[in-house]
């Protein structure tokens, strides 16, 4: 909304205020501030495209994102023109113009949370890549469904085998299913709630190859230490690994295969999408500055005098 104030040399427009000038003055003023409102609209459009917003969408950079309500000469002292964002754009621009805390349910958020980070970005930047969101959530649903089916199948197979613990039990673990690949889960890791990709896992063969030998080698080294001690010798001249294995056995530390991890060394969970209930926005879109600079450039003594001359000339041409 504009509140009219004329800058510059007042004599420029006072010279136009003869009887005819005073008659057309309301229309001249209405034309002047309406034209200024359109100039402000153009300045705001250019500002949104200037880089102040990171990769903005056409939704906010189009001239149609803003609407101008022209001034009415009949309003007299209450004459005004307005420039404001369209209703839909206002819901998004509010946060960068005014700042504040955006919560779940506000424009651009889900009903229950806010997606504020995504491993795959949109072409415009930002977090919400709709295809990636759908792929991730669908993969999570599919894994839950597959796990339920696998558990049911495993229970049935174990029951038919008399629930004995043995090879069949090991073969029916989720980790051992064919075509295994890291799945997706929704949870909180390090205080961040979101969808995560599980770490890569070792197959049974890989795990035994990596850790099974460690257990067998430990048992062999402990046996070597016991033979040395059984002959009345000491371990000072034995190899370091034999001394270490003996020390572990004395502490009751026995490396068993079941105690070794299934996760591949160095593999960790990967955050795919992160959510919050609230997010803080700092105002950075200087709406007031853009509006005032455009207004001051278009509303002054010179432009008012020109508007008065225009309406005087029109009125003169209309007279018989």
Protein backbone atom coordinates (compact mmCIF):
# COMPACT_ATOMS: atom_id res chain seq x y z
CA UNK A 1 0.00 0.00 0.00
CA UNK A 2 1.28 3.48 -0.87
CA UNK A 3 0.98 6.63 1.15
CA UNK A 4 1.57 9.53 -1.24
CA UNK A 5 4.42 11.92 -0.69
CA UNK A 6 5.82 14.18 -3.41
CA UNK A 7 9.55 14.77 -3.64
CA UNK A 8 11.41 17.26 -5.82
CA UNK A 9 10.70 20.83 -6.88
CA UNK A 10 7.03 21.50 -6.09
CA UNK A 11 6.97 24.41 -8.56
CA UNK A 12 7.05 21.85 -11.38
CA UNK A 13 3.54 20.64 -10.71
CA UNK A 14 2.17 23.86 -9.16
CA UNK A 15 2.54 25.54 -12.53
CA UNK A 16 0.03 23.02 -13.86
CA UNK A 17 -2.53 23.76 -11.12
CA UNK A 18 -4.65 26.29 -12.96
CA UNK A 19 -8.42 25.86 -12.95
CA UNK A 20 -8.19 22.99 -15.42
CA UNK A 21 -5.31 21.42 -13.50
CA UNK A 22 -7.22 21.47 -10.23
CA UNK A 23 -10.17 19.80 -11.95
CA UNK A 24 -8.13 16.87 -13.24
CA UNK A 25 -5.87 16.66 -10.18
CA UNK A 26 -7.62 13.58 -8.63
CA UNK A 27 -7.36 11.64 -11.89
CA UNK A 28 -3.75 12.74 -12.34
CA UNK A 29 -2.92 11.50 -8.85
CA UNK A 30 -4.73 8.20 -9.35
CA UNK A 31 -2.90 7.63 -12.65
CA UNK A 32 0.44 8.50 -11.08
CA UNK A 33 0.27 6.17 -8.09
CA UNK A 34 -1.30 3.35 -10.13
CA UNK A 35 1.56 3.59 -12.62
CA UNK A 36 3.98 3.58 -9.71
CA UNK A 37 2.30 0.43 -8.36
CA UNK A 38 2.93 -1.35 -11.68
CA UNK A 39 6.54 -0.21 -11.59
CA UNK A 40 6.86 -1.64 -8.08
CA UNK A 41 5.42 -4.93 -9.38
CA UNK A 42 8.06 -5.02 -12.11
CA UNK A 43 10.80 -4.22 -9.58
CA UNK A 44 9.68 -7.07 -7.32
CA UNK A 45 9.62 -9.52 -10.26
CA UNK A 46 13.17 -8.48 -11.23
CA UNK A 47 14.27 -8.80 -7.59
CA UNK A 48 13.02 -12.41 -7.31
CA UNK A 49 15.05 -13.25 -10.44
CA UNK A 50 18.19 -11.44 -9.25
CA UNK A 51 19.60 -14.36 -7.25
CA UNK A 52 18.20 -13.32 -3.86
CA UNK A 53 16.15 -16.55 -4.00
CA UNK A 54 18.17 -19.66 -4.83
CA UNK A 55 16.84 -21.10 -8.12
CA UNK A 56 13.29 -19.74 -7.76
CA UNK A 57 10.38 -21.33 -9.60
CA UNK A 58 8.28 -19.52 -12.19
CA UNK A 59 5.54 -19.74 -9.57
CA UNK A 60 7.22 -16.85 -7.71
CA UNK A 61 9.09 -15.07 -10.53
CA UNK A 62 6.18 -14.61 -12.92
CA UNK A 63 4.55 -11.16 -13.06
CA UNK A 64 1.33 -13.05 -12.34
CA UNK A 65 2.67 -13.79 -8.85
CA UNK A 66 1.77 -10.21 -7.89
CA UNK A 67 -1.45 -8.25 -8.30
CA UNK A 68 -2.00 -4.51 -8.53
CA UNK A 69 -5.16 -2.81 -7.26
CA UNK A 70 -5.36 0.58 -9.02
CA UNK A 71 -6.10 3.84 -7.26
CA UNK A 72 -9.58 5.33 -7.57
CA UNK A 73 -9.77 9.08 -8.18
CA UNK A 74 -13.16 9.18 -6.43
CA UNK A 75 -11.55 8.19 -3.11
CA UNK A 76 -10.05 11.66 -2.66
CA UNK A 77 -7.78 11.88 0.37
CA UNK A 78 -8.13 8.12 0.90
CA UNK A 79 -6.85 7.38 -2.58
CA UNK A 80 -4.45 4.45 -2.71
CA UNK A 81 -3.02 1.75 -4.95
CA UNK A 82 -1.97 -1.63 -3.65
CA UNK A 83 0.64 -4.17 -4.75
CA UNK A 84 0.63 -7.59 -3.10
CA UNK A 85 1.40 -11.19 -3.84
CA UNK A 86 -1.35 -13.47 -5.03
CA UNK A 87 -2.93 -15.57 -2.28
CA UNK A 88 -1.09 -18.81 -3.18
CA UNK A 89 2.31 -17.09 -3.54
CA UNK A 90 1.80 -15.17 -0.30
CA UNK A 91 1.82 -18.43 1.66
CA UNK A 92 5.36 -19.15 0.41
CA UNK A 93 6.81 -15.62 0.21
CA UNK A 94 5.67 -14.75 3.72
CA UNK A 95 8.52 -16.72 5.32
CA UNK A 96 11.31 -15.04 3.36
CA UNK A 97 9.78 -11.56 3.71
CA UNK A 98 8.66 -11.70 7.35
CA UNK A 99 10.67 -14.62 8.76
CA UNK A 100 9.37 -16.77 11.58
CA UNK A 101 8.77 -20.40 12.44
CA UNK A 102 7.11 -22.58 9.82
CA UNK A 103 5.31 -25.65 11.14
CA UNK A 104 3.89 -28.84 9.70
CA UNK A 105 0.67 -28.05 7.87
CA UNK A 106 1.86 -24.67 6.55
CA UNK A 107 2.32 -24.06 2.83
CA UNK A 108 5.02 -26.29 1.36
CA UNK A 109 4.94 -28.83 4.22
CA UNK A 110 3.26 -32.14 4.94
CA UNK A 111 0.46 -32.48 7.44
CA UNK A 112 2.74 -34.00 10.05
CA UNK A 113 6.28 -32.83 9.27
CA UNK A 114 8.53 -30.71 7.09
CA UNK A 115 10.96 -32.19 4.59
CA UNK A 116 13.97 -29.91 5.00
CA UNK A 117 16.79 -31.98 3.47
CA UNK A 118 16.96 -34.48 0.63
CA UNK A 119 19.90 -36.46 -0.74
CA UNK A 120 18.54 -35.81 -4.23
CA UNK A 121 17.83 -32.15 -4.99
CA UNK A 122 15.25 -30.69 -7.34
CA UNK A 123 16.34 -28.94 -10.56
CA UNK A 124 15.47 -25.69 -8.77
CA UNK A 125 17.47 -26.62 -5.67
CA UNK A 126 15.83 -27.20 -2.31
CA UNK A 127 14.71 -30.47 -0.83
CA UNK A 128 11.40 -31.57 -2.31
CA UNK A 129 12.05 -33.87 -5.25
CA UNK A 130 8.65 -35.51 -5.62
CA UNK A 131 9.90 -38.51 -7.59
CA UNK A 132 12.64 -39.22 -5.02
CA UNK A 133 10.17 -38.90 -2.14
CA UNK A 134 7.82 -41.38 -3.80
CA UNK A 135 10.65 -43.81 -4.61
CA UNK A 136 11.97 -43.69 -1.05
CA UNK A 137 8.63 -44.13 0.69
CA UNK A 138 7.58 -46.88 -1.73
CA UNK A 139 10.86 -48.73 -1.11
CA UNK A 140 10.31 -48.48 2.64
CA UNK A 141 6.77 -49.86 2.32
CA UNK A 142 7.98 -52.67 0.06
CA UNK A 143 10.68 -53.67 2.56
CA UNK A 144 8.19 -53.78 5.43
CA UNK A 145 5.89 -55.95 3.33
CA UNK A 146 8.73 -58.24 2.26
CA UNK A 147 9.99 -58.60 5.84
CA UNK A 148 6.54 -59.65 7.05
CA UNK A 149 6.29 -62.24 4.27
CA UNK A 150 9.82 -63.51 4.95
CA UNK A 151 9.15 -63.87 8.70
CA UNK A 152 5.96 -65.80 8.02
CA UNK A 153 7.77 -68.11 5.60
CA UNK A 154 10.66 -68.60 8.06
CA UNK A 155 8.28 -69.48 10.94
CA UNK A 156 6.49 -71.99 8.76
CA UNK A 157 9.76 -73.59 7.61
CA UNK A 158 11.14 -73.83 11.14
CA UNK A 159 7.89 -75.31 12.45
CA UNK A 160 7.93 -77.97 9.76
CA UNK A 161 11.53 -78.78 10.75
CA UNK A 162 10.62 -79.16 14.39
CA UNK A 163 11.97 -75.72 15.34
CA UNK A 164 15.45 -77.15 15.56
CA UNK A 165 18.38 -74.78 15.63
CA UNK A 166 20.75 -75.55 12.83
CA UNK A 167 21.52 -74.81 9.20
CA UNK A 168 17.89 -74.23 8.26
CA UNK A 169 17.59 -71.50 10.91
CA UNK A 170 20.67 -69.75 9.60
CA UNK A 171 19.50 -70.02 6.00
CA UNK A 172 16.19 -68.33 6.82
CA UNK A 173 17.65 -65.16 8.24
CA UNK A 174 16.67 -61.95 6.43
CA UNK A 175 20.35 -61.20 5.80
CA UNK A 176 20.71 -64.48 3.97
CA UNK A 177 17.89 -64.04 1.45
CA UNK A 178 18.74 -64.10 -2.26
CA UNK A 179 19.57 -60.85 -4.07
CA UNK A 180 20.17 -59.01 -0.82
CA UNK A 181 20.70 -55.25 -1.02
CA UNK A 182 20.63 -52.57 1.71
CA UNK A 183 17.09 -51.63 2.62
CA UNK A 184 15.46 -48.40 3.82
CA UNK A 185 14.06 -47.58 7.24
CA UNK A 186 12.43 -44.57 8.87
CA UNK A 187 13.84 -43.58 12.23
CA UNK A 188 15.98 -41.18 14.24
CA UNK A 189 19.76 -41.33 14.02
CA UNK A 190 21.90 -38.75 15.80
CA UNK A 191 18.79 -36.73 16.66
CA UNK A 192 17.71 -36.43 13.00
CA UNK A 193 14.43 -38.04 12.02
CA UNK A 194 14.10 -39.27 8.46
CA UNK A 195 14.49 -42.06 5.94
CA UNK A 196 17.84 -43.84 5.98
CA UNK A 197 19.50 -46.46 3.81
CA UNK A 198 20.81 -49.34 5.87
CA UNK A 199 24.55 -50.07 5.80
CA UNK A 200 25.86 -52.75 3.49
CA UNK A 201 25.99 -56.21 5.04
CA UNK A 202 28.34 -59.13 4.63
CA UNK A 203 27.03 -62.38 3.23
CA UNK A 204 27.51 -65.49 5.36
CA UNK A 205 30.44 -66.53 3.18
CA UNK A 206 32.04 -63.07 3.33
CA UNK A 207 31.55 -62.89 7.09
CA UNK A 208 33.13 -66.29 7.68
CA UNK A 209 35.96 -65.48 5.29
CA UNK A 210 36.67 -62.26 7.15
CA UNK A 211 36.04 -63.25 10.77
CA UNK A 212 35.82 -67.04 10.86
CA UNK A 213 39.56 -67.39 10.39
CA UNK A 214 40.15 -64.94 13.23
CA UNK A 215 38.29 -67.24 15.62
CA UNK A 216 40.11 -70.36 14.33
CA UNK A 217 43.50 -68.61 14.43
CA UNK A 218 42.81 -67.47 18.00
CA UNK A 219 42.07 -71.02 19.11
CA UNK A 220 45.24 -72.24 17.38
CA UNK A 221 47.40 -69.57 19.03
CA UNK A 222 45.94 -70.30 22.49
CA UNK A 223 46.74 -73.99 21.97
CA UNK A 224 50.34 -73.06 21.02
CA UNK A 225 50.65 -70.95 24.17
CA UNK A 226 49.37 -73.80 26.34
CA UNK A 227 51.85 -76.24 24.79
CA UNK A 228 54.75 -73.85 25.52
CA UNK A 229 53.59 -73.41 29.10
CA UNK A 230 52.98 -77.17 29.43
CA UNK A 231 56.63 -77.83 28.57
CA UNK A 232 57.66 -75.55 31.39
CA UNK A 233 58.63 -72.68 29.11
CA UNK A 234 57.44 -69.08 29.14
CA UNK A 235 55.82 -66.94 26.48
CA UNK A 236 58.42 -64.17 26.39
CA UNK A 237 60.02 -65.62 23.26
CA UNK A 238 56.69 -66.51 21.60
CA UNK A 239 55.23 -64.47 18.80
CA UNK A 240 53.20 -61.43 19.76
CA UNK A 241 49.93 -62.87 18.46
CA UNK A 242 50.40 -66.00 20.64
CA UNK A 243 51.01 -63.86 23.72
CA UNK A 244 47.97 -61.69 22.90
CA UNK A 245 45.74 -64.72 22.31
CA UNK A 246 46.81 -66.23 25.66
CA UNK A 247 46.17 -62.93 27.45
CA UNK A 248 42.69 -62.75 25.93
CA UNK A 249 41.92 -66.31 27.01
CA UNK A 250 43.03 -65.47 30.57
CA UNK A 251 40.57 -62.56 30.59
CA UNK A 252 37.82 -64.81 29.30
CA UNK A 253 37.70 -63.00 25.97
CA UNK A 254 37.08 -65.56 23.28
CA UNK A 255 36.44 -64.28 19.75
CA UNK A 256 33.44 -66.24 18.51
CA UNK A 257 31.97 -65.84 15.06
CA UNK A 258 28.56 -64.97 16.49
CA UNK A 259 30.12 -61.92 18.18
CA UNK A 260 31.44 -60.46 14.94
CA UNK A 261 29.33 -57.87 13.04
CA UNK A 262 27.38 -58.47 9.86
CA UNK A 263 27.93 -54.86 8.71
CA UNK A 264 30.66 -54.35 6.14
CA UNK A 265 33.61 -52.50 7.68
CA UNK A 266 33.36 -48.78 6.88
CA UNK A 267 29.73 -48.96 5.75
CA UNK A 268 27.30 -46.70 7.61
CA UNK A 269 23.67 -45.69 7.43
CA UNK A 270 23.03 -42.98 4.81
CA UNK A 271 20.51 -40.21 5.39
CA UNK A 272 18.14 -39.98 2.40
CA UNK A 273 15.56 -37.47 3.62
CA UNK A 274 15.29 -35.52 6.86
CA UNK A 275 12.17 -34.15 8.54
CA UNK A 276 11.26 -31.66 11.26
CA UNK A 277 8.07 -30.51 12.93
CA UNK A 278 9.20 -26.87 12.81
CA UNK A 279 11.84 -24.90 10.97
CA UNK A 280 13.07 -21.36 11.55
CA UNK A 281 13.19 -18.92 8.64
CA UNK A 282 15.23 -15.72 8.60
CA UNK A 283 13.79 -12.84 6.59
CA UNK A 284 16.02 -11.95 3.64
CA UNK A 285 13.63 -10.71 0.93
CA UNK A 286 13.74 -6.90 1.33
CA UNK A 287 10.23 -6.14 0.15
CA UNK A 288 10.07 -2.67 1.75
CA UNK A 289 13.30 -1.48 0.16
CA UNK A 290 12.27 -2.62 -3.32
CA UNK A 291 8.85 -1.03 -2.96
CA UNK A 292 10.11 2.33 -1.69
CA UNK A 293 12.90 2.64 -4.25
CA UNK A 294 10.51 1.99 -7.13
CA UNK A 295 7.92 4.32 -5.63
CA UNK A 296 10.37 7.17 -5.16
CA UNK A 297 11.62 6.76 -8.72
CA UNK A 298 8.11 7.10 -10.13
CA UNK A 299 6.32 9.49 -7.76
CA UNK A 300 7.86 12.96 -7.66
CA UNK A 301 7.16 16.53 -8.70
CA UNK A 302 8.23 15.89 -12.31
CA UNK A 303 6.03 12.82 -12.84
CA UNK A 304 3.07 14.52 -11.15
CA UNK A 305 3.42 17.54 -13.47
CA UNK A 306 3.52 15.18 -16.46
CA UNK A 307 0.40 13.36 -15.27
CA UNK A 308 -1.42 16.69 -14.82
CA UNK A 309 -0.47 17.78 -18.36
CA UNK A 310 -1.69 14.47 -19.78
CA UNK A 311 -5.12 14.69 -18.17
CA UNK A 312 -5.47 18.39 -19.01
CA UNK A 313 -4.76 17.61 -22.66
CA UNK A 314 -7.31 14.79 -22.69
CA UNK A 315 -9.96 17.01 -21.12
CA UNK A 316 -9.24 19.78 -23.61
CA UNK A 317 -9.66 17.37 -26.54
CA UNK A 318 -12.99 16.19 -25.17
CA UNK A 319 -14.49 19.70 -25.06
CA UNK A 320 -16.71 20.71 -28.02
